[in-house]
């Protein structure tokens, strides 16, 4: 996967939250989490996530080509917003917002490939 994030520039995702439609800039998405059928889109400079009734798998398919990766069963991350990657003991990434996200063993190879020197 290419670490060039220019493909996210001027791209948006249209999501519906409780009858309200949001046009979300891809660059502003830090990560997306899910609990069952409810996904939460976490954004830069916004406290509360946008909650939508859409499976994480659908987001994963839609956003893969734009630099979003599945970190574990419940989380997709925007690699543009990753501040650091820990490849020891606890495999985690830290986002620019200081949120830490655990990487599953099955997805670890993807992050190693991106962050290799």
N, C-alpha and C. Protein backbone atom coordinates (compact mmCIF):
# COMPACT_ATOMS: atom_id res chain seq x y z
N UNK A 1 0.85 -1.19 0.00
CA UNK A 1 0.00 0.00 0.00
C UNK A 1 0.88 1.24 0.00
N UNK A 2 0.49 2.19 -0.77
CA UNK A 2 1.22 3.44 -0.92
C UNK A 2 0.98 4.35 0.29
N UNK A 3 2.05 4.97 0.79
CA UNK A 3 1.89 5.88 1.92
C UNK A 3 1.59 7.32 1.47
N UNK A 4 1.40 7.52 0.19
CA UNK A 4 1.04 8.84 -0.33
C UNK A 4 -0.45 9.05 -0.06
N UNK A 5 -0.78 10.08 0.69
CA UNK A 5 -2.17 10.30 1.11
C UNK A 5 -2.88 11.33 0.24
N UNK A 6 -2.27 11.71 -0.85
CA UNK A 6 -2.89 12.70 -1.73
C UNK A 6 -4.22 12.19 -2.28
N UNK A 7 -4.37 10.87 -2.35
CA UNK A 7 -5.62 10.30 -2.87
C UNK A 7 -6.81 10.64 -1.97
N UNK A 8 -6.56 11.03 -0.73
CA UNK A 8 -7.65 11.39 0.19
C UNK A 8 -8.10 12.84 0.02
N UNK A 9 -7.25 13.65 -0.57
CA UNK A 9 -7.56 15.07 -0.70
C UNK A 9 -8.82 15.27 -1.54
N UNK A 10 -9.70 16.09 -1.04
CA UNK A 10 -10.96 16.43 -1.72
C UNK A 10 -11.92 15.25 -1.88
N UNK A 11 -11.68 14.17 -1.17
CA UNK A 11 -12.59 13.01 -1.22
C UNK A 11 -13.46 13.03 0.03
N UNK A 12 -14.71 12.64 -0.15
CA UNK A 12 -15.64 12.61 0.98
C UNK A 12 -16.37 11.27 1.04
N UNK A 13 -16.92 11.02 2.21
CA UNK A 13 -17.76 9.85 2.44
C UNK A 13 -19.12 10.40 2.88
N UNK A 14 -20.17 9.91 2.28
CA UNK A 14 -21.52 10.33 2.65
C UNK A 14 -22.08 9.29 3.62
N UNK A 15 -22.48 9.74 4.83
CA UNK A 15 -23.05 8.83 5.83
C UNK A 15 -24.31 9.43 6.42
N UNK A 16 -25.19 8.57 6.86
CA UNK A 16 -26.47 9.00 7.42
C UNK A 16 -26.50 8.66 8.91
N UNK A 17 -26.75 9.68 9.74
CA UNK A 17 -26.82 9.51 11.18
C UNK A 17 -28.17 10.03 11.67
N UNK A 18 -29.02 9.13 12.13
CA UNK A 18 -30.32 9.50 12.69
C UNK A 18 -31.07 10.50 11.82
N UNK A 19 -31.22 10.20 10.55
CA UNK A 19 -31.96 11.06 9.65
C UNK A 19 -31.19 12.26 9.13
N UNK A 20 -29.97 12.45 9.61
CA UNK A 20 -29.13 13.56 9.16
C UNK A 20 -28.03 13.00 8.27
N UNK A 21 -27.80 13.63 7.14
CA UNK A 21 -26.77 13.17 6.22
C UNK A 21 -25.52 14.03 6.38
N UNK A 22 -24.37 13.35 6.55
CA UNK A 22 -23.09 14.04 6.73
C UNK A 22 -22.21 13.76 5.51
N UNK A 23 -21.50 14.78 5.08
CA UNK A 23 -20.47 14.63 4.06
C UNK A 23 -19.15 14.80 4.79
N UNK A 24 -18.44 13.69 4.99
CA UNK A 24 -17.24 13.67 5.82
C UNK A 24 -16.00 13.62 4.93
N UNK A 25 -15.07 14.54 5.17
CA UNK A 25 -13.80 14.54 4.43
C UNK A 25 -12.94 13.37 4.92
N UNK A 26 -12.42 12.59 3.99
CA UNK A 26 -11.61 11.42 4.35
C UNK A 26 -10.40 11.80 5.18
N UNK A 27 -9.78 12.92 4.86
CA UNK A 27 -8.59 13.36 5.58
C UNK A 27 -8.85 13.57 7.06
N UNK A 28 -10.08 13.88 7.42
CA UNK A 28 -10.42 14.18 8.81
C UNK A 28 -10.82 12.95 9.62
N UNK A 29 -10.94 11.81 8.97
CA UNK A 29 -11.28 10.58 9.70
C UNK A 29 -10.01 10.01 10.31
N UNK A 30 -10.00 9.82 11.63
CA UNK A 30 -8.83 9.20 12.27
C UNK A 30 -8.99 7.69 12.31
N UNK A 31 -10.18 7.24 12.70
CA UNK A 31 -10.46 5.81 12.74
C UNK A 31 -11.97 5.58 12.80
N UNK A 32 -12.34 4.35 12.54
CA UNK A 32 -13.75 3.95 12.59
C UNK A 32 -13.82 2.70 13.46
N UNK A 33 -14.71 2.73 14.44
CA UNK A 33 -14.89 1.58 15.33
C UNK A 33 -16.32 1.05 15.16
N UNK A 34 -16.53 -0.17 15.64
CA UNK A 34 -17.88 -0.71 15.55
C UNK A 34 -18.25 -1.50 16.79
N UNK A 35 -19.54 -1.51 17.04
CA UNK A 35 -20.15 -2.35 18.06
C UNK A 35 -21.39 -2.92 17.40
N UNK A 36 -21.31 -4.15 16.96
CA UNK A 36 -22.44 -4.76 16.26
C UNK A 36 -22.64 -4.08 14.92
N UNK A 37 -23.85 -3.62 14.67
CA UNK A 37 -24.18 -2.96 13.40
C UNK A 37 -24.00 -1.45 13.45
N UNK A 38 -23.53 -0.92 14.56
CA UNK A 38 -23.36 0.51 14.70
C UNK A 38 -21.88 0.87 14.61
N UNK A 39 -21.53 1.66 13.61
CA UNK A 39 -20.14 2.10 13.43
C UNK A 39 -20.01 3.55 13.88
N UNK A 40 -18.88 3.87 14.48
CA UNK A 40 -18.59 5.23 14.94
C UNK A 40 -17.41 5.78 14.15
N UNK A 41 -17.63 6.90 13.48
CA UNK A 41 -16.59 7.54 12.70
C UNK A 41 -15.97 8.64 13.57
N UNK A 42 -14.70 8.46 13.92
CA UNK A 42 -13.99 9.41 14.78
C UNK A 42 -13.24 10.40 13.88
N UNK A 43 -13.43 11.68 14.17
CA UNK A 43 -12.86 12.73 13.33
C UNK A 43 -11.88 13.62 14.09
N UNK A 44 -10.97 14.23 13.34
CA UNK A 44 -10.07 15.23 13.90
C UNK A 44 -10.92 16.42 14.33
N UNK A 45 -10.62 17.00 15.47
CA UNK A 45 -11.31 18.20 15.96
C UNK A 45 -12.80 18.02 16.20
N UNK A 46 -13.22 16.83 16.55
CA UNK A 46 -14.62 16.61 16.91
C UNK A 46 -14.66 15.61 18.05
N UNK A 47 -15.23 16.03 19.16
CA UNK A 47 -15.29 15.18 20.37
C UNK A 47 -16.12 13.92 20.14
N UNK A 48 -17.36 14.12 19.71
CA UNK A 48 -18.28 13.00 19.55
C UNK A 48 -18.17 12.40 18.15
N UNK A 49 -18.09 11.07 18.07
CA UNK A 49 -18.05 10.45 16.74
C UNK A 49 -19.42 10.50 16.07
N UNK A 50 -19.42 10.34 14.77
CA UNK A 50 -20.66 10.21 14.01
C UNK A 50 -21.02 8.73 14.04
N UNK A 51 -22.23 8.42 14.51
CA UNK A 51 -22.65 7.02 14.63
C UNK A 51 -23.60 6.68 13.50
N UNK A 52 -23.25 5.64 12.75
CA UNK A 52 -24.04 5.24 11.60
C UNK A 52 -24.33 3.73 11.64
N UNK A 53 -25.42 3.37 11.04
CA UNK A 53 -25.80 1.98 10.96
C UNK A 53 -25.24 1.39 9.66
N UNK A 54 -23.96 1.04 9.71
CA UNK A 54 -23.27 0.49 8.54
C UNK A 54 -22.18 -0.45 9.05
N UNK A 55 -22.08 -1.62 8.46
CA UNK A 55 -21.08 -2.59 8.89
C UNK A 55 -19.66 -2.10 8.62
N UNK A 56 -18.75 -2.44 9.52
CA UNK A 56 -17.35 -2.06 9.37
C UNK A 56 -16.77 -2.66 8.09
N UNK A 57 -17.20 -3.84 7.73
CA UNK A 57 -16.73 -4.52 6.52
C UNK A 57 -17.02 -3.66 5.29
N UNK A 58 -18.18 -2.99 5.26
CA UNK A 58 -18.51 -2.13 4.12
C UNK A 58 -17.60 -0.91 4.06
N UNK A 59 -17.29 -0.33 5.22
CA UNK A 59 -16.34 0.79 5.25
C UNK A 59 -14.96 0.32 4.79
N UNK A 60 -14.56 -0.86 5.25
CA UNK A 60 -13.25 -1.39 4.89
C UNK A 60 -13.11 -1.52 3.38
N UNK A 61 -14.11 -2.07 2.73
CA UNK A 61 -14.09 -2.24 1.28
C UNK A 61 -14.07 -0.89 0.56
N UNK A 62 -14.88 0.02 1.04
CA UNK A 62 -15.01 1.34 0.42
C UNK A 62 -13.75 2.21 0.57
N UNK A 63 -13.05 2.07 1.70
CA UNK A 63 -11.95 2.99 2.01
C UNK A 63 -10.55 2.42 1.83
N UNK A 64 -10.43 1.15 1.52
CA UNK A 64 -9.12 0.49 1.41
C UNK A 64 -8.18 1.23 0.46
N UNK A 65 -8.66 1.58 -0.70
CA UNK A 65 -7.81 2.22 -1.71
C UNK A 65 -7.37 3.64 -1.32
N UNK A 66 -7.96 4.18 -0.25
CA UNK A 66 -7.63 5.54 0.18
C UNK A 66 -6.74 5.56 1.42
N UNK A 67 -6.13 4.43 1.79
CA UNK A 67 -5.19 4.41 2.90
C UNK A 67 -5.79 4.10 4.25
N UNK A 68 -6.90 3.37 4.27
CA UNK A 68 -7.51 2.93 5.52
C UNK A 68 -7.27 1.43 5.66
N UNK A 69 -6.84 1.02 6.84
CA UNK A 69 -6.54 -0.40 7.09
C UNK A 69 -7.28 -0.90 8.31
N UNK A 70 -7.66 -2.16 8.27
CA UNK A 70 -8.29 -2.81 9.41
C UNK A 70 -7.19 -3.16 10.39
N UNK A 71 -7.27 -2.66 11.60
CA UNK A 71 -6.26 -2.92 12.63
C UNK A 71 -6.62 -4.14 13.47
N UNK A 72 -7.91 -4.33 13.68
CA UNK A 72 -8.40 -5.47 14.46
C UNK A 72 -9.86 -5.70 14.10
N UNK A 73 -10.50 -6.58 14.81
CA UNK A 73 -11.88 -6.95 14.51
C UNK A 73 -12.84 -5.77 14.55
N UNK A 74 -12.55 -4.76 15.38
CA UNK A 74 -13.48 -3.67 15.62
C UNK A 74 -13.03 -2.30 15.13
N UNK A 75 -11.86 -2.21 14.47
CA UNK A 75 -11.31 -0.89 14.15
C UNK A 75 -10.64 -0.83 12.78
N UNK A 76 -10.97 0.24 12.06
CA UNK A 76 -10.27 0.61 10.82
C UNK A 76 -9.55 1.92 11.12
N UNK A 77 -8.31 2.06 10.68
CA UNK A 77 -7.57 3.29 10.92
C UNK A 77 -7.16 3.95 9.61
N UNK A 78 -7.06 5.26 9.66
CA UNK A 78 -6.55 6.04 8.54
C UNK A 78 -5.04 6.12 8.75
N UNK A 79 -4.26 5.49 7.88
CA UNK A 79 -2.81 5.46 8.11
C UNK A 79 -2.19 6.85 8.09
N UNK A 80 -2.88 7.80 7.49
CA UNK A 80 -2.41 9.18 7.49
C UNK A 80 -2.35 9.76 8.90
N UNK A 81 -3.20 9.26 9.78
CA UNK A 81 -3.28 9.81 11.13
C UNK A 81 -2.57 8.96 12.18
N UNK A 82 -1.69 8.08 11.75
CA UNK A 82 -0.91 7.28 12.69
C UNK A 82 0.35 8.05 13.06
N UNK A 83 0.55 8.24 14.36
CA UNK A 83 1.74 8.96 14.84
C UNK A 83 2.90 8.00 15.08
N UNK A 84 2.60 6.80 15.63
CA UNK A 84 3.67 5.83 15.90
C UNK A 84 3.14 4.41 15.86
N UNK A 85 4.07 3.48 15.70
CA UNK A 85 3.77 2.06 15.59
C UNK A 85 4.71 1.30 16.52
N UNK A 86 4.16 0.53 17.44
CA UNK A 86 4.98 -0.28 18.35
C UNK A 86 4.89 -1.72 17.89
N UNK A 87 6.05 -2.26 17.55
CA UNK A 87 6.11 -3.62 17.04
C UNK A 87 6.63 -4.60 18.09
N UNK A 88 6.70 -4.17 19.32
CA UNK A 88 7.20 -5.05 20.38
C UNK A 88 6.08 -5.36 21.35
N UNK A 89 6.24 -6.43 22.09
CA UNK A 89 5.29 -6.86 23.12
C UNK A 89 3.83 -6.64 22.70
N UNK A 90 3.31 -5.48 23.04
CA UNK A 90 1.93 -5.15 22.66
C UNK A 90 1.98 -4.42 21.33
N UNK A 91 1.45 -5.04 20.32
CA UNK A 91 1.46 -4.44 18.99
C UNK A 91 0.36 -3.38 18.93
N UNK A 92 0.78 -2.12 18.98
CA UNK A 92 -0.19 -1.03 18.99
C UNK A 92 0.25 0.10 18.06
N UNK A 93 -0.73 0.88 17.68
CA UNK A 93 -0.45 2.12 16.97
C UNK A 93 -1.00 3.24 17.83
N UNK A 94 -0.36 4.38 17.73
CA UNK A 94 -0.85 5.57 18.42
C UNK A 94 -1.23 6.57 17.34
N UNK A 95 -2.45 7.06 17.42
CA UNK A 95 -2.91 8.05 16.47
C UNK A 95 -2.43 9.43 16.89
N UNK A 96 -2.53 10.39 16.01
CA UNK A 96 -2.12 11.76 16.32
C UNK A 96 -2.94 12.35 17.47
N UNK A 97 -4.11 11.79 17.70
CA UNK A 97 -4.97 12.24 18.80
C UNK A 97 -4.58 11.58 20.13
N UNK A 98 -3.50 10.80 20.13
CA UNK A 98 -2.98 10.04 21.28
C UNK A 98 -3.82 8.81 21.63
N UNK A 99 -4.79 8.48 20.83
CA UNK A 99 -5.58 7.26 21.03
C UNK A 99 -4.72 6.07 20.61
N UNK A 100 -4.67 5.05 21.49
CA UNK A 100 -3.92 3.84 21.17
C UNK A 100 -4.86 2.75 20.71
N UNK A 101 -4.44 2.04 19.67
CA UNK A 101 -5.26 0.98 19.10
C UNK A 101 -4.41 -0.27 18.95
N UNK A 102 -4.94 -1.36 19.44
CA UNK A 102 -4.24 -2.64 19.37
C UNK A 102 -4.37 -3.22 17.96
N UNK A 103 -3.28 -3.79 17.48
CA UNK A 103 -3.28 -4.44 16.17
C UNK A 103 -3.36 -5.95 16.39
N UNK A 104 -4.27 -6.59 15.71
CA UNK A 104 -4.41 -8.04 15.85
C UNK A 104 -3.22 -8.74 15.20
N UNK A 105 -2.96 -9.95 15.63
CA UNK A 105 -1.84 -10.72 15.06
C UNK A 105 -2.03 -10.94 13.57
N UNK A 106 -3.27 -11.14 13.15
CA UNK A 106 -3.56 -11.40 11.74
C UNK A 106 -3.33 -10.18 10.85
N UNK A 107 -3.42 -8.99 11.40
CA UNK A 107 -3.24 -7.75 10.62
C UNK A 107 -1.87 -7.13 10.80
N UNK A 108 -1.07 -7.67 11.68
CA UNK A 108 0.23 -7.09 12.01
C UNK A 108 1.14 -6.96 10.79
N UNK A 109 1.11 -7.96 9.91
CA UNK A 109 2.00 -7.94 8.73
C UNK A 109 1.73 -6.73 7.83
N UNK A 110 0.48 -6.27 7.76
CA UNK A 110 0.14 -5.10 6.95
C UNK A 110 0.83 -3.85 7.47
N UNK A 111 0.80 -3.68 8.79
CA UNK A 111 1.42 -2.50 9.39
C UNK A 111 2.94 -2.59 9.34
N UNK A 112 3.49 -3.79 9.48
CA UNK A 112 4.94 -3.95 9.36
C UNK A 112 5.40 -3.57 7.97
N UNK A 113 4.63 -3.95 6.96
CA UNK A 113 4.98 -3.63 5.57
C UNK A 113 4.96 -2.13 5.33
N UNK A 114 4.03 -1.44 5.90
CA UNK A 114 3.90 0.00 5.70
C UNK A 114 5.00 0.77 6.43
N UNK A 115 5.34 0.31 7.64
CA UNK A 115 6.28 1.07 8.46
C UNK A 115 7.70 0.51 8.48
N UNK A 116 8.01 -0.34 7.52
CA UNK A 116 9.39 -0.84 7.47
C UNK A 116 10.32 0.25 6.98
N UNK A 117 11.54 0.18 7.39
CA UNK A 117 12.51 1.23 7.00
C UNK A 117 13.29 0.77 5.80
